[in-house]
Amino acid sequence: MLKSNKGVLFKGGAWTSLSFIVVSLVYVLRISVLTRYIDKSDFGLVAIVLFVLGFTNIFADLGVSTALLSKKDVSKKEYSSLYWGGLFLSIVLYVIIFCASPYLAAFYGYALLKSLIPIMGIDIVISTLGRQFSVFMQKDLKFKELAFIKIASELISLLIDILLAINGFGIWTLVFSLLSSSLITLLLNFIISYKSHPLLFYFNFQESKPLYVVGFYQTGSQVLDYLSSQIDILILGKVLPMAEMGVYSIIKTLVFRVYISLNQIVTKVMIPVFASIQYDLVNFKSKFLKFVNFITIINTFFYLTIAVLSKSILFLFYGPNYVTDYKILQILCMWGVCSSIVSCSGGILIVSTGKTLIGFKWTQLRFIINPLFVFIGAYYGGVIGVCIAQSIFAFLSLFLYQIVVISKILNNLKMSDYLKEIVYTIFRGLLLFTLFVFLNDYFIVSSHLVKIAVNVLVLLAIFSLMYFRKIVNHLKQL
């Protein structure tokens, strides 16, 4: 039983927020350096490799993380069996992608992929070795330790990135950036968590089977969700020049990092809280609506700020060669807002209640629909068309998700109550975006730093006047 929901929220939120801020600053510095030393086409090639690795990493976990979080008590034999089973599976997956790398290189027409995929693929095994320790820290509410690990791994890998980039390692800088970060995370996870969760050399599939059953639907959901969300990389990597693919992947990564970082802050803190009240449906519904409104406000503020300052952000982060692609960033910000809301609310509902089958059904629907939007967007509008199509689908998902998932878990929650917490805030954000874009075009400021500072302060003041009291009340009541 949690000592205090309020204490957990503020303490956990403080540490995860600190981690988010540091990681975001590190990302800005890293990408600012790398885009000035590495070709656009190199980013496109790495995006394709990361697509392959992201897909296989899902199978390496097999939904075990969700199972461990949702089950109250897990014996040493159970989690040891899961650990060794996961390690064996990750090795098998690595062998598969190693053998498949020549065919993937031939499909995309880039021989370098034959080397990139096997070397970067080592990350599958490294990540598997440390994942379970991280899950137990989250379950035990060790937010301070999780934040320390994330910050330390990012700072050390940043130093490695800079040294490699300025010494002309080119695309291999991106490769070793991934591997060094994962390896440092593994070592710190092991050092901090092994004492509290020591492993036995024990494996028994039958004993672990109930946990695999819970994770099975989550894995299926993650696979389909990953394919539907990353289908743009698969398609554009084949039909576009690799330099254009690189630009798109860099900008989408920026948007996606905000999306992932915000999700990690709220879900790491809130999943244990909601899991503790999952059987009190009235209380669960009340807190869930407050949570949805809270994440909508936070996401709208961050993405609105990025969209308004898209030109300045691209100039400062990536250099002048990327400024002309500002429309990609602006459009994807709409995708980011809606996708993050669905992902956060879904993560809370599905993981805290263990309703992975319902999540799997939603992902099946998304897997069928989203690729159609991507294909249509790519056919009629290239990169911009894909951005618009994905943003439209992300907005429609707000409605579909309530029907397919939320109503099945919280059958006492009406569509109107759910959308009321979301739509008004997004609509106000769009109006503010239109106003600020007009004002920034009318009042020309030569300094990008000054423009960013002024816009952030003004937007922060506006959001504080509109939502500060509501956010404080939400946090108190959660």
Protein backbone atom coordinates (compact mmCIF):
# COMPACT_ATOMS: atom_id res chain seq x y z
CA MET A 1 0.00 0.00 0.00
CA LEU A 2 1.32 3.43 -0.90
CA LYS A 3 2.23 5.69 1.99
CA SER A 4 0.64 8.75 0.50
CA ASN A 5 -0.54 9.38 -3.02
CA LYS A 6 0.19 13.06 -2.66
CA GLY A 7 3.70 12.44 -1.37
CA VAL A 8 4.39 9.93 -4.15
CA LEU A 9 3.18 12.36 -6.79
CA PHE A 10 5.27 15.32 -5.69
CA LYS A 11 8.44 13.41 -4.82
CA GLY A 12 8.27 11.17 -7.87
CA GLY A 13 7.25 14.05 -10.09
CA ALA A 14 10.16 16.16 -8.85
CA TRP A 15 12.78 13.52 -9.62
CA THR A 16 11.31 12.48 -12.97
CA SER A 17 10.89 16.14 -13.93
CA LEU A 18 14.54 16.79 -13.10
CA SER A 19 15.48 13.81 -15.24
CA PHE A 20 13.26 15.12 -18.05
CA ILE A 21 14.84 18.57 -17.94
CA VAL A 22 18.41 17.28 -17.94
CA VAL A 23 17.76 14.69 -20.66
CA SER A 24 16.05 17.34 -22.80
CA LEU A 25 18.98 19.73 -22.43
CA VAL A 26 21.42 16.93 -23.23
CA TYR A 27 19.40 16.03 -26.33
CA VAL A 28 19.42 19.64 -27.50
CA LEU A 29 23.18 19.89 -27.05
CA ARG A 30 23.81 16.49 -28.64
CA ILE A 31 21.70 17.12 -31.74
CA SER A 32 23.12 20.64 -32.10
CA VAL A 33 26.62 19.18 -32.29
CA LEU A 34 25.82 16.13 -34.40
CA THR A 35 23.83 17.93 -37.12
CA ARG A 36 26.86 20.13 -37.74
CA TYR A 37 29.25 17.20 -38.18
CA ILE A 38 27.08 14.41 -39.63
CA ASP A 39 25.34 14.27 -43.04
CA LYS A 40 21.55 14.30 -43.28
CA SER A 41 21.64 10.97 -45.11
CA ASP A 42 23.43 9.35 -42.15
CA PHE A 43 20.49 10.22 -39.91
CA GLY A 44 18.20 8.57 -42.44
CA LEU A 45 20.19 5.34 -42.39
CA VAL A 46 20.27 5.23 -38.60
CA ALA A 47 16.50 5.85 -38.51
CA ILE A 48 15.99 2.69 -40.56
CA VAL A 49 18.24 0.68 -38.22
CA LEU A 50 16.42 2.02 -35.17
CA PHE A 51 13.13 0.97 -36.75
CA VAL A 52 14.41 -2.61 -37.00
CA LEU A 53 15.84 -2.60 -33.47
CA GLY A 54 12.73 -1.06 -31.95
CA PHE A 55 10.63 -3.79 -33.49
CA THR A 56 12.82 -6.63 -32.23
CA ASN A 57 13.18 -5.07 -28.76
CA ILE A 58 9.45 -5.48 -28.24
CA PHE A 59 9.76 -9.23 -28.69
CA ALA A 60 12.75 -9.31 -26.35
CA ASP A 61 10.54 -8.01 -23.53
CA LEU A 62 7.44 -10.11 -24.37
CA GLY A 63 5.31 -7.84 -22.19
CA VAL A 64 7.11 -9.00 -19.05
CA SER A 65 7.55 -5.40 -17.83
CA THR A 66 3.77 -4.90 -17.82
CA ALA A 67 3.22 -8.23 -16.10
CA LEU A 68 5.73 -7.43 -13.35
CA LEU A 69 4.17 -4.01 -12.75
CA SER A 70 0.58 -5.27 -12.60
CA LYS A 71 1.25 -8.28 -10.31
CA LYS A 72 1.49 -7.37 -6.64
CA ASP A 73 3.88 -10.10 -5.47
CA VAL A 74 6.48 -11.78 -7.67
CA SER A 75 8.70 -14.49 -6.23
CA LYS A 76 12.46 -14.67 -6.74
CA LYS A 77 12.03 -17.84 -8.82
CA GLU A 78 9.41 -16.16 -11.03
CA TYR A 79 11.41 -13.05 -11.88
CA SER A 80 14.66 -15.05 -12.23
CA SER A 81 12.94 -17.37 -14.70
CA LEU A 82 11.62 -14.37 -16.64
CA TYR A 83 15.07 -12.79 -16.70
CA TRP A 84 16.92 -15.79 -18.16
CA GLY A 85 14.11 -16.52 -20.58
CA GLY A 86 14.25 -12.93 -21.81
CA LEU A 87 18.03 -13.04 -22.19
CA PHE A 88 17.87 -16.22 -24.26
CA LEU A 89 15.17 -14.72 -26.46
CA SER A 90 17.17 -11.52 -27.02
CA ILE A 91 20.15 -13.58 -28.22
CA VAL A 92 17.92 -15.48 -30.64
CA LEU A 93 16.50 -12.20 -31.95
CA TYR A 94 19.99 -10.79 -32.42
CA VAL A 95 20.99 -13.80 -34.50
CA ILE A 96 17.87 -13.31 -36.65
CA ILE A 97 18.53 -9.64 -37.42
CA PHE A 98 22.23 -10.40 -37.98
CA CYS A 99 21.27 -12.90 -40.67
CA ALA A 100 18.61 -10.57 -42.10
CA SER A 101 20.91 -7.53 -42.41
CA PRO A 102 22.12 -8.29 -45.99
CA TYR A 103 18.53 -8.56 -47.21
CA LEU A 104 17.53 -5.30 -45.51
CA ALA A 105 20.55 -3.60 -47.05
CA ALA A 106 19.52 -4.87 -50.48
CA PHE A 107 15.90 -3.76 -49.97
CA TYR A 108 16.88 -0.17 -49.22
CA GLY A 109 19.85 -0.14 -51.58
CA TYR A 110 22.47 0.90 -49.01
CA ALA A 111 25.34 -1.57 -48.43
CA LEU A 112 26.36 0.20 -45.21
CA LEU A 113 23.28 -1.25 -43.51
CA LYS A 114 24.98 -4.66 -43.59
CA SER A 115 27.43 -3.35 -40.99
CA LEU A 116 25.20 -0.93 -39.10
CA ILE A 117 22.44 -3.39 -38.24
CA PRO A 118 24.61 -6.13 -36.65
CA ILE A 119 26.66 -3.67 -34.60
CA MET A 120 23.71 -1.57 -33.38
CA GLY A 121 21.79 -4.80 -32.85
CA ILE A 122 23.95 -5.58 -29.82
CA ASP A 123 21.73 -3.06 -28.04
CA ILE A 124 18.94 -5.67 -27.95
CA VAL A 125 20.93 -7.91 -25.63
CA ILE A 126 22.27 -5.03 -23.52
CA SER A 127 18.80 -3.55 -23.00
CA THR A 128 17.35 -6.93 -22.03
CA LEU A 129 20.04 -7.47 -19.38
CA GLY A 130 19.02 -4.30 -17.51
CA ARG A 131 15.31 -3.90 -18.25
CA GLN A 132 13.94 -6.00 -15.39
CA PHE A 133 15.99 -4.14 -12.77
CA SER A 134 14.55 -0.86 -14.03
CA VAL A 135 11.01 -2.26 -13.79
CA PHE A 136 11.52 -3.22 -10.15
CA MET A 137 12.82 0.26 -9.32
CA GLN A 138 9.71 1.76 -10.86
CA LYS A 139 7.49 -0.67 -8.99
CA ASP A 140 9.28 0.15 -5.71
CA LEU A 141 8.84 3.89 -6.42
CA LYS A 142 12.61 4.51 -6.55
CA PHE A 143 12.26 7.60 -8.70
CA LYS A 144 15.45 9.16 -7.36
CA GLU A 145 17.52 6.18 -8.49
CA LEU A 146 15.80 6.03 -11.87
CA ALA A 147 16.47 9.72 -12.43
CA PHE A 148 20.12 9.35 -11.44
CA ILE A 149 20.62 6.47 -13.87
CA LYS A 150 18.99 8.32 -16.74
CA ILE A 151 20.92 11.53 -16.14
CA ALA A 152 24.27 9.78 -15.69
CA SER A 153 23.90 7.65 -18.83
CA GLU A 154 22.88 10.64 -20.94
CA LEU A 155 25.71 12.88 -19.74
CA ILE A 156 28.41 10.23 -20.25
CA SER A 157 27.10 9.25 -23.69
CA LEU A 158 26.95 12.97 -24.62
CA LEU A 159 30.66 13.32 -23.85
CA ILE A 160 31.38 10.28 -26.01
CA ASP A 161 29.25 11.72 -28.83
CA ILE A 162 31.06 15.03 -28.87
CA LEU A 163 34.52 13.42 -28.82
CA LEU A 164 33.65 11.06 -31.68
CA ALA A 165 31.87 13.70 -33.79
CA ILE A 166 34.63 16.29 -33.69
CA ASN A 167 37.19 13.59 -34.51
CA GLY A 168 35.38 12.66 -37.72
CA PHE A 169 33.69 9.37 -36.86
CA GLY A 170 30.60 10.41 -38.84
CA ILE A 171 27.73 7.94 -38.77
CA TRP A 172 29.55 5.71 -36.26
CA THR A 173 29.09 8.47 -33.71
CA LEU A 174 25.36 7.71 -33.77
CA VAL A 175 26.05 4.00 -33.45
CA PHE A 176 28.29 4.24 -30.40
CA SER A 177 25.99 6.86 -28.88
CA LEU A 178 23.22 4.26 -28.67
CA LEU A 179 25.46 1.47 -27.39
CA SER A 180 27.25 3.56 -24.77
CA SER A 181 24.01 4.90 -23.31
CA SER A 182 22.51 1.41 -23.06
CA LEU A 183 25.65 -0.08 -21.53
CA ILE A 184 25.93 2.62 -18.86
CA THR A 185 22.24 2.22 -18.02
CA LEU A 186 22.70 -1.55 -17.67
CA LEU A 187 25.67 -1.20 -15.32
CA LEU A 188 23.92 1.33 -13.07
CA ASN A 189 20.68 -0.68 -13.02
CA PHE A 190 22.62 -3.76 -11.98
CA ILE A 191 24.66 -1.98 -9.28
CA ILE A 192 21.63 -0.30 -7.70
CA SER A 193 19.02 -3.06 -7.95
CA TYR A 194 20.79 -6.41 -7.81
CA LYS A 195 21.04 -6.40 -4.02
CA SER A 196 17.28 -5.95 -3.56
CA HIS A 197 16.37 -8.30 -6.43
CA PRO A 198 19.14 -10.92 -6.74
CA LEU A 199 18.87 -13.50 -9.47
CA LEU A 200 18.79 -17.26 -9.25
CA PHE A 201 20.10 -19.50 -12.02
CA TYR A 202 16.61 -20.83 -12.47
CA PHE A 203 14.19 -21.18 -15.38
CA ASN A 204 10.75 -22.80 -15.42
CA PHE A 205 8.40 -21.84 -18.20
CA GLN A 206 5.32 -23.37 -16.56
CA GLU A 207 5.75 -21.29 -13.41
CA SER A 208 6.24 -18.13 -15.45
CA LYS A 209 3.43 -18.89 -17.87
CA PRO A 210 0.75 -16.76 -16.09
CA LEU A 211 3.00 -13.71 -16.37
CA TYR A 212 3.72 -14.44 -20.02
CA VAL A 213 -0.03 -14.66 -20.67
CA VAL A 214 -0.50 -11.15 -19.30
CA GLY A 215 2.47 -9.97 -21.33
CA PHE A 216 1.40 -11.78 -24.49
CA TYR A 217 -1.42 -9.38 -25.29
CA GLN A 218 0.73 -6.43 -24.35
CA THR A 219 3.45 -7.66 -26.71
CA GLY A 220 0.97 -8.09 -29.55
CA SER A 221 -0.35 -4.62 -28.83
CA GLN A 222 3.16 -3.12 -28.78
CA VAL A 223 4.14 -4.83 -32.03
CA LEU A 224 1.12 -3.57 -33.92
CA ASP A 225 1.34 -0.17 -32.25
CA TYR A 226 5.00 0.14 -33.18
CA LEU A 227 4.40 -0.85 -36.78
CA SER A 228 1.47 1.52 -37.17
CA SER A 229 3.34 4.44 -35.59
CA GLN A 230 6.63 3.80 -37.45
CA ILE A 231 5.19 2.78 -40.82
CA ASP A 232 6.18 6.22 -42.09
CA ILE A 233 9.87 5.39 -41.58
CA LEU A 234 9.44 2.11 -43.44
CA ILE A 235 7.68 3.78 -46.38
CA LEU A 236 9.66 7.02 -46.64
CA GLY A 237 12.97 5.18 -46.28
CA LYS A 238 12.13 3.36 -49.49
CA VAL A 239 10.57 6.14 -51.59
CA LEU A 240 12.53 9.26 -50.56
CA PRO A 241 16.18 10.23 -51.02
CA MET A 242 18.02 9.34 -47.82
CA ALA A 243 18.82 13.01 -47.09
CA GLU A 244 15.10 13.91 -47.02
CA MET A 245 14.47 10.83 -44.94
CA GLY A 246 17.15 12.06 -42.54
CA VAL A 247 15.50 15.47 -42.16
CA TYR A 248 12.11 13.91 -41.47
CA SER A 249 13.51 11.43 -38.94
CA ILE A 250 15.44 14.12 -37.04
CA ILE A 251 12.42 16.40 -36.74
CA LYS A 252 10.08 13.57 -35.82
CA THR A 253 12.60 12.42 -33.21
CA LEU A 254 12.51 15.89 -31.64
CA VAL A 255 8.71 15.76 -31.39
CA PHE A 256 8.79 12.14 -30.25
CA ARG A 257 11.32 12.86 -27.50
CA VAL A 258 8.98 15.42 -25.97
CA TYR A 259 6.19 12.86 -26.31
CA ILE A 260 8.21 10.08 -24.67
CA SER A 261 9.69 12.29 -21.94
CA LEU A 262 6.31 13.67 -20.89
CA ASN A 263 4.84 10.18 -20.90
CA GLN A 264 7.65 8.80 -18.77
CA ILE A 265 7.21 11.51 -16.15
CA VAL A 266 3.50 11.01 -15.69
CA THR A 267 3.22 7.25 -16.19
CA LYS A 268 6.12 6.27 -13.93
CA VAL A 269 4.57 8.28 -11.13
CA MET A 270 0.89 7.65 -11.78
CA ILE A 271 0.74 3.93 -12.67
CA PRO A 272 1.45 2.79 -9.10
CA VAL A 273 -1.07 5.33 -7.78
CA PHE A 274 -3.85 4.20 -10.12
CA ALA A 275 -3.01 0.54 -9.63
CA SER A 276 -3.70 0.97 -5.90
CA ILE A 277 -7.27 2.25 -6.55
CA GLN A 278 -8.19 0.13 -9.60
CA TYR A 279 -11.11 -1.55 -7.80
CA ASP A 280 -12.66 1.72 -6.60
CA LEU A 281 -14.28 2.65 -9.92
CA VAL A 282 -15.87 5.90 -8.76
CA ASN A 283 -12.59 7.21 -7.35
CA PHE A 284 -10.68 5.84 -10.36
CA LYS A 285 -12.96 7.66 -12.81
CA SER A 286 -12.74 10.95 -10.93
CA LYS A 287 -8.95 10.86 -10.76
CA PHE A 288 -8.66 9.67 -14.35
CA LEU A 289 -10.58 12.66 -15.70
CA LYS A 290 -8.41 15.04 -13.70
CA PHE A 291 -5.35 13.24 -14.98
CA VAL A 292 -6.50 13.49 -18.62
CA ASN A 293 -7.10 17.23 -18.27
CA PHE A 294 -3.72 17.67 -16.59
CA ILE A 295 -1.74 15.90 -19.35
CA THR A 296 -3.72 17.76 -22.03
CA ILE A 297 -2.75 21.12 -20.55
CA ILE A 298 0.91 20.14 -20.17
CA ASN A 299 1.19 18.63 -23.66
CA THR A 300 -0.59 21.55 -25.30
CA PHE A 301 1.76 24.04 -23.66
CA PHE A 302 4.94 22.22 -24.69
CA TYR A 303 3.89 21.49 -28.26
CA LEU A 304 2.34 24.92 -28.78
CA THR A 305 5.62 26.51 -27.73
CA ILE A 306 7.60 24.28 -30.11
CA ALA A 307 5.22 24.96 -33.02
CA VAL A 308 5.31 28.74 -32.54
CA LEU A 309 9.11 28.76 -32.32
CA SER A 310 9.71 26.10 -35.00
CA LYS A 311 12.01 28.23 -37.17
CA SER A 312 14.14 29.44 -34.27
CA ILE A 313 14.35 25.97 -32.74
CA LEU A 314 15.50 24.39 -36.01
CA PHE A 315 18.04 27.16 -36.56
CA LEU A 316 19.56 26.88 -33.10
CA PHE A 317 19.32 23.11 -32.67
CA TYR A 318 20.10 21.85 -36.15
CA GLY A 319 21.61 24.78 -38.04
CA PRO A 320 20.41 27.02 -40.92
CA ASN A 321 20.14 24.10 -43.37
CA TYR A 322 17.06 22.80 -41.53
CA VAL A 323 15.05 26.04 -41.13
CA THR A 324 13.15 25.59 -44.40
CA ASP A 325 11.63 22.39 -43.01
CA TYR A 326 9.79 24.21 -40.20
CA LYS A 327 6.36 23.18 -41.51
CA ILE A 328 7.17 19.53 -40.81
CA LEU A 329 7.83 20.43 -37.18
CA GLN A 330 4.68 22.54 -36.84
CA ILE A 331 2.39 19.86 -38.27
CA LEU A 332 3.96 17.07 -36.24
CA CYS A 333 3.34 19.07 -33.06
CA MET A 334 -0.39 18.46 -33.56
CA TRP A 335 0.38 14.76 -33.92
CA GLY A 336 2.45 14.93 -30.75
CA VAL A 337 -0.30 16.51 -28.63
CA CYS A 338 -3.02 14.02 -29.58
CA SER A 339 -0.77 10.95 -29.60
CA SER A 340 0.67 11.79 -26.19
CA ILE A 341 -2.79 12.19 -24.65
CA VAL A 342 -3.93 8.82 -25.99
CA SER A 343 -0.69 7.13 -24.98
CA CYS A 344 -0.65 8.56 -21.44
CA SER A 345 -4.29 7.79 -20.71
CA GLY A 346 -3.92 4.35 -22.26
CA GLY A 347 -0.77 3.60 -20.31
CA ILE A 348 -2.49 4.47 -17.05
CA LEU A 349 -5.64 2.45 -17.76
CA ILE A 350 -4.14 -0.66 -19.32
CA VAL A 351 -1.00 -1.12 -17.24
CA SER A 352 -2.52 -0.21 -13.86
CA THR A 353 -5.48 -2.58 -14.38
CA GLY A 354 -3.68 -5.29 -16.39
CA LYS A 355 -6.33 -5.08 -19.17
CA THR A 356 -3.85 -5.85 -21.91
CA LEU A 357 -6.37 -7.69 -24.10
CA ILE A 358 -8.42 -4.51 -24.50
CA GLY A 359 -5.26 -2.59 -25.41
CA PHE A 360 -4.41 -5.26 -27.96
CA LYS A 361 -7.79 -4.82 -29.67
CA TRP A 362 -7.23 -1.07 -29.91
CA THR A 363 -3.82 -1.57 -31.45
CA GLN A 364 -5.25 -3.98 -34.00
CA LEU A 365 -7.63 -1.25 -35.14
CA ARG A 366 -4.84 1.31 -35.21
CA PHE A 367 -2.61 -1.04 -37.18
CA ILE A 368 -5.29 -1.32 -39.87
CA ILE A 369 -6.21 2.37 -40.11
CA ASN A 370 -3.01 4.38 -39.55
CA PRO A 371 -0.97 2.87 -42.44
CA LEU A 372 -3.80 3.85 -44.80
CA PHE A 373 -3.42 7.49 -43.72
CA VAL A 374 0.36 7.27 -44.18
CA PHE A 375 0.08 5.73 -47.65
CA ILE A 376 -2.45 8.34 -48.78
CA GLY A 377 -0.39 11.18 -47.31
CA ALA A 378 2.83 9.93 -48.95
CA TYR A 379 1.11 9.45 -52.31
CA TYR A 380 -0.45 12.92 -52.47
CA GLY A 381 1.95 15.08 -50.49
CA GLY A 382 5.27 13.40 -49.76
CA VAL A 383 6.75 14.25 -46.37
CA ILE A 384 4.28 17.06 -45.65
CA GLY A 385 1.40 14.82 -46.69
CA VAL A 386 2.53 12.12 -44.28
CA CYS A 387 2.74 14.67 -41.45
CA ILE A 388 -0.77 15.99 -42.14
CA ALA A 389 -2.24 12.50 -42.49
CA GLN A 390 -0.73 11.30 -39.22
CA SER A 391 -1.93 14.41 -37.38
CA ILE A 392 -5.49 13.91 -38.65
CA PHE A 393 -5.49 10.29 -37.54
CA ALA A 394 -4.03 11.21 -34.13
CA PHE A 395 -6.89 13.66 -33.58
CA LEU A 396 -9.50 11.10 -34.63
CA SER A 397 -7.86 8.64 -32.23
CA LEU A 398 -9.03 10.74 -29.29
CA PHE A 399 -12.60 9.73 -30.16
CA LEU A 400 -11.86 6.17 -31.22
CA TYR A 401 -9.83 5.43 -28.11
CA GLN A 402 -12.69 6.32 -25.80
CA ILE A 403 -14.99 3.94 -27.67
CA VAL A 404 -12.59 1.01 -28.01
CA VAL A 405 -10.64 1.17 -24.74
CA ILE A 406 -11.80 3.64 -22.10
CA SER A 407 -15.49 2.74 -22.23
CA LYS A 408 -14.60 -0.94 -21.79
CA ILE A 409 -12.51 -0.36 -18.66
CA LEU A 410 -14.51 2.55 -17.23
CA ASN A 411 -18.04 1.86 -18.41
CA ASN A 412 -19.31 4.69 -16.20
CA LEU A 413 -17.33 7.29 -18.16
CA LYS A 414 -19.24 9.14 -20.88
CA MET A 415 -17.67 10.30 -24.14
CA SER A 416 -18.73 13.90 -23.43
CA ASP A 417 -17.02 13.91 -20.02
CA TYR A 418 -13.82 12.56 -21.49
CA LEU A 419 -13.66 14.89 -24.51
CA LYS A 420 -14.57 17.92 -22.41
CA GLU A 421 -11.24 17.52 -20.61
CA ILE A 422 -9.35 17.53 -23.92
CA VAL A 423 -10.94 19.34 -26.84
CA TYR A 424 -11.37 22.81 -25.30
CA THR A 425 -7.72 22.96 -24.29
CA ILE A 426 -6.48 21.85 -27.72
CA PHE A 427 -8.80 24.33 -29.47
CA ARG A 428 -7.50 27.19 -27.32
CA GLY A 429 -3.97 26.08 -28.14
CA LEU A 430 -4.68 26.27 -31.89
CA LEU A 431 -6.05 29.80 -31.50
CA LEU A 432 -2.96 30.84 -29.55
CA PHE A 433 -0.74 29.26 -32.22
CA THR A 434 -2.43 31.29 -34.97
CA LEU A 435 -2.11 34.48 -32.94
CA PHE A 436 1.54 33.98 -32.02
CA VAL A 437 2.60 33.00 -35.55
CA PHE A 438 1.01 36.22 -36.82
CA LEU A 439 2.69 38.33 -34.15
CA ASN A 440 6.10 36.73 -34.73
CA ASP A 441 5.85 37.41 -38.46
CA TYR A 442 4.72 40.99 -37.86
CA PHE A 443 7.26 41.91 -35.18
CA ILE A 444 10.59 40.85 -36.67
CA VAL A 445 13.28 40.00 -34.09
CA SER A 446 16.73 39.23 -35.46
CA SER A 447 17.91 37.19 -32.48
CA HIS A 448 16.49 33.68 -32.27
CA LEU A 449 17.40 33.46 -28.60
CA VAL A 450 15.49 36.65 -27.81
CA LYS A 451 12.50 35.40 -29.80
CA ILE A 452 12.48 32.11 -27.90
CA ALA A 453 12.84 33.78 -24.51
CA VAL A 454 10.06 36.32 -25.13
CA ASN A 455 7.61 33.77 -26.57
CA VAL A 456 8.22 31.23 -23.81
CA LEU A 457 7.71 33.81 -21.08
CA VAL A 458 4.53 35.16 -22.66
CA LEU A 459 3.08 31.70 -23.31
CA LEU A 460 3.99 30.59 -19.80
CA ALA A 461 2.26 33.65 -18.37
CA ILE A 462 -0.87 33.00 -20.46
CA PHE A 463 -1.04 29.33 -19.48
CA SER A 464 -0.44 30.20 -15.84
CA LEU A 465 -3.36 32.61 -15.86
CA MET A 466 -5.57 30.09 -17.63
CA TYR A 467 -4.60 26.84 -15.93
CA PHE A 468 -2.32 27.26 -12.90
CA ARG A 469 -5.08 26.98 -10.30
CA LYS A 470 -6.62 24.02 -12.12
CA ILE A 471 -3.28 22.17 -12.32
CA VAL A 472 -2.64 22.68 -8.60
CA ASN A 473 -6.13 21.40 -7.77
CA HIS A 474 -5.63 18.36 -10.00
CA LEU A 475 -2.35 17.49 -8.29
CA LYS A 476 -3.87 17.87 -4.84
CA GLN A 477 -6.84 15.65 -5.71
CA LEU A 478 -4.74 13.01 -7.45
